[in-house]
Structure formats: structure tokens, C-alpha cells
């Protein structure tokens, strides 16, 4: 049975996309607090096991990078992908804090060795 084209029903247009409002997202407190505490503990452990406590305090400035990554987890995620990215940033911050002192020591030893080789005795 053939129907005329005037009787074809058209679907209404889809509603426009509306991003979720900040009130619609879940609270995000446990994970940032955990990553912040883990970053501080890892940084303290890494700093205590290195030679840096005998150095001036400004040698601990590279710890601002891991702390910045841990601070990035405190922003409220609006999508699941943002939540995953913030968890990865917190994990990287904790890992960097653990090995930051050893990296600073290595850079200082290589720099001292290079200066000694250049200038000699």
C-alpha cells in the first residue's frame, strides 16, 4: 500500500546539549584528600632518605611540581573523563614526590662532577 508523502511523520529535533551544572555533579572529597596525604607522605619519606636535609631549604623547591599535581585533583570533575585525568594527576604527583629528592640529588652530583672535570683540581 502506497502512502502519499504528505502523511510521513517527522521526528522533532533533538534537544540542545546542556552541560551539567556544578550542583549536578557528585562531591569529590575523598580522592583529593587521599592523594594530598599520599603526596605529602611520599615527599617526606623521599626527602628524609636523601642528602637534602643537610642542604639549604631552597633545594626542596622541586616538590612544588608534585604538590601542584596533587592540588589539581581538588577541582570538581564534571565528566567521568575529567575524574580519571585528575586521578592520574594525583598518582603522578605522589610518584614524583617519592623520587623527587633522588632526582635533585642526581642532578646536583652530575653538575658537581661536570664542574670538577671542567675546572680540574
N, C-alpha and C. Protein backbone atom coordinates (compact mmCIF):
# COMPACT_ATOMS: atom_id res chain seq x y z
N UNK A 1 0.84 -1.16 0.00
CA UNK A 1 0.00 0.00 0.00
C UNK A 1 0.89 1.23 0.00
N UNK A 2 0.67 2.03 -0.94
CA UNK A 2 1.46 3.25 -1.09
C UNK A 2 0.78 4.38 -0.34
N UNK A 3 1.62 5.12 0.43
CA UNK A 3 1.07 6.27 1.14
C UNK A 3 1.66 7.53 0.54
N UNK A 4 0.90 8.57 0.49
CA UNK A 4 1.45 9.81 -0.05
C UNK A 4 2.49 10.40 0.91
N UNK A 5 3.41 11.16 0.38
CA UNK A 5 4.50 11.72 1.17
C UNK A 5 4.01 12.74 2.19
N UNK A 6 2.81 13.23 2.05
CA UNK A 6 2.31 14.22 3.00
C UNK A 6 1.93 13.59 4.34
N UNK A 7 1.80 12.26 4.38
CA UNK A 7 1.42 11.61 5.64
C UNK A 7 2.62 11.09 6.41
N UNK A 8 3.84 11.31 5.95
CA UNK A 8 5.03 10.85 6.65
C UNK A 8 5.25 11.72 7.89
N UNK A 9 5.39 11.05 9.02
CA UNK A 9 5.62 11.79 10.27
C UNK A 9 7.08 12.15 10.40
N UNK A 10 7.34 13.35 10.78
CA UNK A 10 8.71 13.80 11.01
C UNK A 10 8.96 13.84 12.51
N UNK A 11 10.18 13.43 12.88
CA UNK A 11 10.55 13.44 14.30
C UNK A 11 10.91 14.86 14.72
N UNK A 12 10.63 15.20 15.97
CA UNK A 12 11.02 16.53 16.43
C UNK A 12 12.55 16.60 16.56
N UNK A 13 13.10 17.80 16.45
CA UNK A 13 14.57 17.91 16.56
C UNK A 13 15.02 17.55 17.97
N UNK A 14 16.25 17.02 18.10
CA UNK A 14 16.73 16.64 19.44
C UNK A 14 16.95 17.89 20.29
N UNK A 15 16.80 17.75 21.59
CA UNK A 15 17.02 18.92 22.45
C UNK A 15 18.50 19.32 22.43
N UNK A 16 18.78 20.60 22.61
CA UNK A 16 20.19 21.02 22.60
C UNK A 16 20.94 20.45 23.80
N UNK A 17 22.23 20.27 23.61
CA UNK A 17 23.06 19.70 24.68
C UNK A 17 23.24 20.74 25.77
N UNK A 18 23.03 20.32 26.98
CA UNK A 18 23.25 21.21 28.13
C UNK A 18 24.29 20.55 29.03
N UNK A 19 25.45 21.19 29.22
CA UNK A 19 26.46 20.59 30.11
C UNK A 19 25.94 20.55 31.54
N UNK A 20 26.37 19.59 32.32
CA UNK A 20 25.89 19.50 33.70
C UNK A 20 26.32 20.71 34.51
N UNK A 21 25.45 21.14 35.35
CA UNK A 21 25.76 22.26 36.23
C UNK A 21 26.62 21.76 37.39
N UNK A 22 27.38 22.66 38.03
CA UNK A 22 28.22 22.21 39.15
C UNK A 22 27.41 21.59 40.28
N UNK A 23 26.15 21.99 40.44
CA UNK A 23 25.34 21.41 41.50
C UNK A 23 24.93 19.97 41.19
N UNK A 24 24.97 19.61 39.89
CA UNK A 24 24.55 18.27 39.49
C UNK A 24 25.63 17.22 39.69
N UNK A 25 26.88 17.64 39.84
CA UNK A 25 27.97 16.67 39.97
C UNK A 25 28.08 16.20 41.42
N UNK A 26 28.68 15.04 41.56
CA UNK A 26 28.86 14.48 42.90
C UNK A 26 29.98 15.20 43.63
N UNK A 27 29.94 15.14 44.93
CA UNK A 27 31.02 15.73 45.72
C UNK A 27 32.28 14.92 45.50
N UNK A 28 33.43 15.58 45.58
CA UNK A 28 34.71 14.96 45.25
C UNK A 28 35.68 15.34 46.35
N UNK A 29 35.62 14.63 47.47
CA UNK A 29 36.47 15.00 48.60
C UNK A 29 37.43 13.89 49.02
N UNK A 30 37.00 12.66 48.97
CA UNK A 30 37.82 11.56 49.49
C UNK A 30 39.09 11.37 48.66
N UNK A 31 38.94 11.33 47.34
CA UNK A 31 40.10 11.05 46.48
C UNK A 31 41.13 12.17 46.53
N UNK A 32 40.74 13.47 46.44
CA UNK A 32 41.78 14.50 46.56
C UNK A 32 42.45 14.52 47.93
N UNK A 33 41.69 14.28 48.97
CA UNK A 33 42.30 14.25 50.30
C UNK A 33 43.29 13.09 50.41
N UNK A 34 42.94 11.95 49.84
CA UNK A 34 43.83 10.79 49.86
C UNK A 34 45.11 11.07 49.07
N UNK A 35 44.98 11.66 47.87
CA UNK A 35 46.17 11.94 47.07
C UNK A 35 47.03 13.03 47.70
N UNK A 36 46.43 14.00 48.35
CA UNK A 36 47.21 15.04 49.01
C UNK A 36 48.01 14.45 50.18
N UNK A 37 47.36 13.63 50.99
CA UNK A 37 48.06 12.99 52.11
C UNK A 37 49.15 12.05 51.61
N UNK A 38 48.85 11.31 50.55
CA UNK A 38 49.83 10.38 49.99
C UNK A 38 51.03 11.14 49.40
N UNK A 39 50.79 12.27 48.75
CA UNK A 39 51.87 13.06 48.18
C UNK A 39 52.74 13.66 49.29
N UNK A 40 52.12 14.16 50.34
CA UNK A 40 52.90 14.71 51.45
C UNK A 40 53.73 13.63 52.15
N UNK A 41 53.13 12.45 52.34
CA UNK A 41 53.86 11.36 52.99
C UNK A 41 55.01 10.87 52.10
N UNK A 42 54.76 10.73 50.80
CA UNK A 42 55.81 10.28 49.89
C UNK A 42 56.92 11.32 49.79
N UNK A 43 56.56 12.60 49.77
CA UNK A 43 57.57 13.65 49.73
C UNK A 43 58.41 13.67 51.00
N UNK A 44 57.77 13.50 52.15
CA UNK A 44 58.51 13.46 53.41
C UNK A 44 59.44 12.27 53.49
N UNK A 45 58.97 11.12 53.01
CA UNK A 45 59.80 9.92 53.02
C UNK A 45 60.99 10.07 52.07
N UNK A 46 60.72 10.57 50.87
CA UNK A 46 61.81 10.75 49.91
C UNK A 46 62.82 11.78 50.37
N UNK A 47 62.36 12.84 51.00
CA UNK A 47 63.26 13.90 51.48
C UNK A 47 64.09 13.41 52.67
N UNK A 48 63.46 12.62 53.54
CA UNK A 48 64.18 12.13 54.73
C UNK A 48 65.25 11.11 54.37
N UNK A 49 65.08 10.36 53.30
CA UNK A 49 66.05 9.34 52.93
C UNK A 49 67.13 9.85 51.99
N UNK A 50 67.15 11.15 51.73
CA UNK A 50 68.14 11.70 50.82
C UNK A 50 69.17 12.53 51.59
N UNK A 51 70.10 13.12 50.87
CA UNK A 51 71.09 14.01 51.47
C UNK A 51 70.60 15.45 51.54
N UNK A 52 69.40 15.72 51.06
CA UNK A 52 68.90 17.08 51.01
C UNK A 52 68.62 17.72 52.37
N UNK A 53 68.29 16.99 53.43
CA UNK A 53 68.09 17.68 54.71
C UNK A 53 69.32 18.44 55.19
N UNK A 54 70.48 18.08 54.71
CA UNK A 54 71.70 18.80 55.09
C UNK A 54 71.96 19.99 54.18
N UNK A 55 71.14 20.18 53.16
CA UNK A 55 71.31 21.27 52.20
C UNK A 55 70.38 22.43 52.56
N UNK A 56 70.56 23.58 51.92
CA UNK A 56 69.64 24.70 52.16
C UNK A 56 68.20 24.33 51.78
N UNK A 57 67.27 25.05 52.36
CA UNK A 57 65.85 24.73 52.17
C UNK A 57 65.38 24.92 50.73
N UNK A 58 66.01 25.79 49.97
CA UNK A 58 65.53 26.03 48.62
C UNK A 58 65.77 24.84 47.69
N UNK A 59 66.54 23.86 48.12
CA UNK A 59 66.70 22.64 47.33
C UNK A 59 65.42 21.81 47.31
N UNK A 60 64.49 22.13 48.18
CA UNK A 60 63.22 21.39 48.18
C UNK A 60 62.16 22.04 47.29
N UNK A 61 62.51 23.06 46.53
CA UNK A 61 61.56 23.72 45.62
C UNK A 61 60.99 22.79 44.54
N UNK A 62 61.72 21.81 44.03
CA UNK A 62 61.11 20.92 43.04
C UNK A 62 59.88 20.15 43.57
N UNK A 63 59.68 20.14 44.87
CA UNK A 63 58.49 19.49 45.42
C UNK A 63 57.22 20.25 45.09
N UNK A 64 57.33 21.46 44.57
CA UNK A 64 56.14 22.20 44.18
C UNK A 64 55.42 21.55 43.00
N UNK A 65 56.16 20.86 42.15
CA UNK A 65 55.53 20.19 41.00
C UNK A 65 54.62 19.05 41.46
N UNK A 66 55.07 18.11 42.30
CA UNK A 66 54.14 17.08 42.78
C UNK A 66 52.98 17.65 43.59
N UNK A 67 53.26 18.69 44.38
CA UNK A 67 52.18 19.29 45.15
C UNK A 67 51.17 19.99 44.24
N UNK A 68 51.63 20.55 43.13
CA UNK A 68 50.71 21.13 42.16
C UNK A 68 49.85 20.08 41.49
N UNK A 69 50.43 18.93 41.21
CA UNK A 69 49.63 17.84 40.63
C UNK A 69 48.60 17.32 41.63
N UNK A 70 48.97 17.27 42.90
CA UNK A 70 48.01 16.86 43.92
C UNK A 70 46.92 17.91 44.10
N UNK A 71 47.29 19.17 43.97
CA UNK A 71 46.29 20.24 44.10
C UNK A 71 45.31 20.24 42.94
N UNK A 72 45.75 19.76 41.78
CA UNK A 72 44.85 19.70 40.62
C UNK A 72 43.71 18.71 40.83
N UNK A 73 43.86 17.78 41.73
CA UNK A 73 42.79 16.81 41.97
C UNK A 73 41.63 17.43 42.74
N UNK A 74 41.82 18.59 43.34
CA UNK A 74 40.77 19.21 44.14
C UNK A 74 39.71 19.90 43.29
N UNK A 75 39.99 20.14 42.02
CA UNK A 75 38.95 20.72 41.17
C UNK A 75 37.84 19.71 40.97
N UNK A 76 36.61 20.18 40.97
CA UNK A 76 35.47 19.28 40.87
C UNK A 76 35.32 18.80 39.43
N UNK A 77 35.33 17.49 39.19
CA UNK A 77 35.18 16.98 37.83
C UNK A 77 33.73 17.07 37.38
N UNK A 78 33.54 17.36 36.11
CA UNK A 78 32.19 17.45 35.57
C UNK A 78 31.85 16.26 34.67
N UNK A 79 32.88 15.52 34.26
CA UNK A 79 32.67 14.35 33.42
C UNK A 79 33.51 13.20 33.97
N UNK A 80 33.17 11.98 33.61
CA UNK A 80 34.00 10.84 34.05
C UNK A 80 35.43 10.91 33.53
N UNK A 81 35.63 11.47 32.34
CA UNK A 81 36.99 11.58 31.81
C UNK A 81 37.82 12.54 32.65
N UNK A 82 37.22 13.63 33.11
CA UNK A 82 37.95 14.56 33.97
C UNK A 82 38.29 13.90 35.30
N UNK A 83 37.40 13.09 35.79
CA UNK A 83 37.68 12.38 37.04
C UNK A 83 38.88 11.46 36.88
N UNK A 84 38.94 10.75 35.78
CA UNK A 84 40.06 9.86 35.51
C UNK A 84 41.36 10.65 35.37
N UNK A 85 41.29 11.77 34.65
CA UNK A 85 42.50 12.60 34.47
C UNK A 85 43.01 13.12 35.80
N UNK A 86 42.13 13.48 36.68
CA UNK A 86 42.56 14.01 37.98
C UNK A 86 43.13 12.92 38.87
N UNK A 87 42.62 11.71 38.73
CA UNK A 87 43.19 10.61 39.49
C UNK A 87 44.59 10.27 38.97
N UNK A 88 44.79 10.35 37.67
CA UNK A 88 46.12 10.12 37.09
C UNK A 88 47.08 11.21 37.55
N UNK A 89 46.62 12.46 37.58
CA UNK A 89 47.47 13.56 38.04
C UNK A 89 47.86 13.37 39.51
N UNK A 90 46.94 12.93 40.33
CA UNK A 90 47.26 12.67 41.73
C UNK A 90 48.25 11.53 41.88
N UNK A 91 48.10 10.49 41.08
CA UNK A 91 49.04 9.37 41.13
C UNK A 91 50.44 9.80 40.69
N UNK A 92 50.51 10.59 39.63
CA UNK A 92 51.81 11.09 39.18
C UNK A 92 52.44 12.00 40.23
N UNK A 93 51.63 12.81 40.88
CA UNK A 93 52.16 13.69 41.93
C UNK A 93 52.76 12.90 43.07
N UNK A 94 52.08 11.85 43.50
CA UNK A 94 52.59 11.03 44.60
C UNK A 94 53.87 10.30 44.18
N UNK A 95 53.90 9.80 42.95
CA UNK A 95 55.10 9.12 42.47
C UNK A 95 56.28 10.07 42.32
N UNK A 96 56.02 11.26 41.79
CA UNK A 96 57.09 12.25 41.66
C UNK A 96 57.61 12.70 43.02
N UNK A 97 56.72 12.83 43.98
CA UNK A 97 57.15 13.27 45.31
C UNK A 97 58.07 12.25 45.94
N UNK A 98 57.84 10.98 45.67
CA UNK A 98 58.67 9.93 46.24
C UNK A 98 60.09 9.96 45.68
N UNK A 99 60.22 10.26 44.38
CA UNK A 99 61.52 10.20 43.73
C UNK A 99 62.11 11.57 43.43
N UNK A 100 61.46 12.62 43.86
CA UNK A 100 61.93 13.98 43.55
C UNK A 100 63.28 14.26 44.20
N UNK A 101 63.46 13.88 45.44
CA UNK A 101 64.73 14.15 46.13
C UNK A 101 65.88 13.40 45.47
N UNK A 102 65.64 12.18 45.06
CA UNK A 102 66.70 11.42 44.38
C UNK A 102 67.05 12.05 43.04
N UNK A 103 66.06 12.59 42.33
CA UNK A 103 66.32 13.25 41.06
C UNK A 103 67.13 14.53 41.27
N UNK A 104 66.79 15.30 42.29
CA UNK A 104 67.54 16.52 42.59
C UNK A 104 68.97 16.16 42.99
N UNK A 105 69.14 15.13 43.80
CA UNK A 105 70.50 14.69 44.17
C UNK A 105 71.30 14.29 42.94
N UNK A 106 70.69 13.55 42.05
CA UNK A 106 71.39 13.10 40.84
C UNK A 106 71.82 14.28 39.99
N UNK A 107 70.93 15.24 39.82
CA UNK A 107 71.27 16.44 39.03
C UNK A 107 72.42 17.19 39.69
N UNK A 108 72.38 17.33 41.01
CA UNK A 108 73.45 18.05 41.71
C UNK A 108 74.78 17.31 41.62
N UNK A 109 74.77 15.97 41.75
CA UNK A 109 76.01 15.20 41.64
C UNK A 109 76.58 15.28 40.23
N UNK A 110 75.73 15.19 39.21
CA UNK A 110 76.21 15.29 37.83
C UNK A 110 76.75 16.68 37.56
N UNK A 111 76.08 17.70 38.07
CA UNK A 111 76.57 19.08 37.90
C UNK A 111 77.91 19.27 38.61
N UNK A 112 78.03 18.76 39.81
CA UNK A 112 79.30 18.88 40.54
C UNK A 112 80.42 18.13 39.83
N UNK A 113 80.14 16.95 39.31
CA UNK A 113 81.14 16.18 38.58
C UNK A 113 81.55 16.91 37.30
N UNK A 114 80.58 17.48 36.59
CA UNK A 114 80.91 18.21 35.36
C UNK A 114 81.76 19.44 35.67
N UNK A 115 81.43 20.16 36.73
CA UNK A 115 82.23 21.33 37.10
C UNK A 115 83.64 20.92 37.53
N UNK A 116 83.76 19.80 38.23
CA UNK A 116 85.07 19.32 38.66
C UNK A 116 85.91 18.92 37.46
N UNK A 117 85.27 18.26 36.45
CA UNK A 117 86.00 17.86 35.26
C UNK A 117 86.43 19.06 34.43
N UNK A 118 85.60 20.08 34.40
CA UNK A 118 85.94 21.28 33.62
C UNK A 118 87.09 22.04 34.27
N UNK A 119 86.99 22.23 35.57
CA UNK A 119 87.98 23.05 36.26
C UNK A 119 89.19 22.26 36.77
N UNK A 120 89.10 20.98 36.83
CA UNK A 120 90.21 20.17 37.30
C UNK A 120 90.35 20.23 38.81
N UNK A 121 91.55 19.99 39.29
CA UNK A 121 91.78 20.00 40.74
C UNK A 121 91.58 21.39 41.22
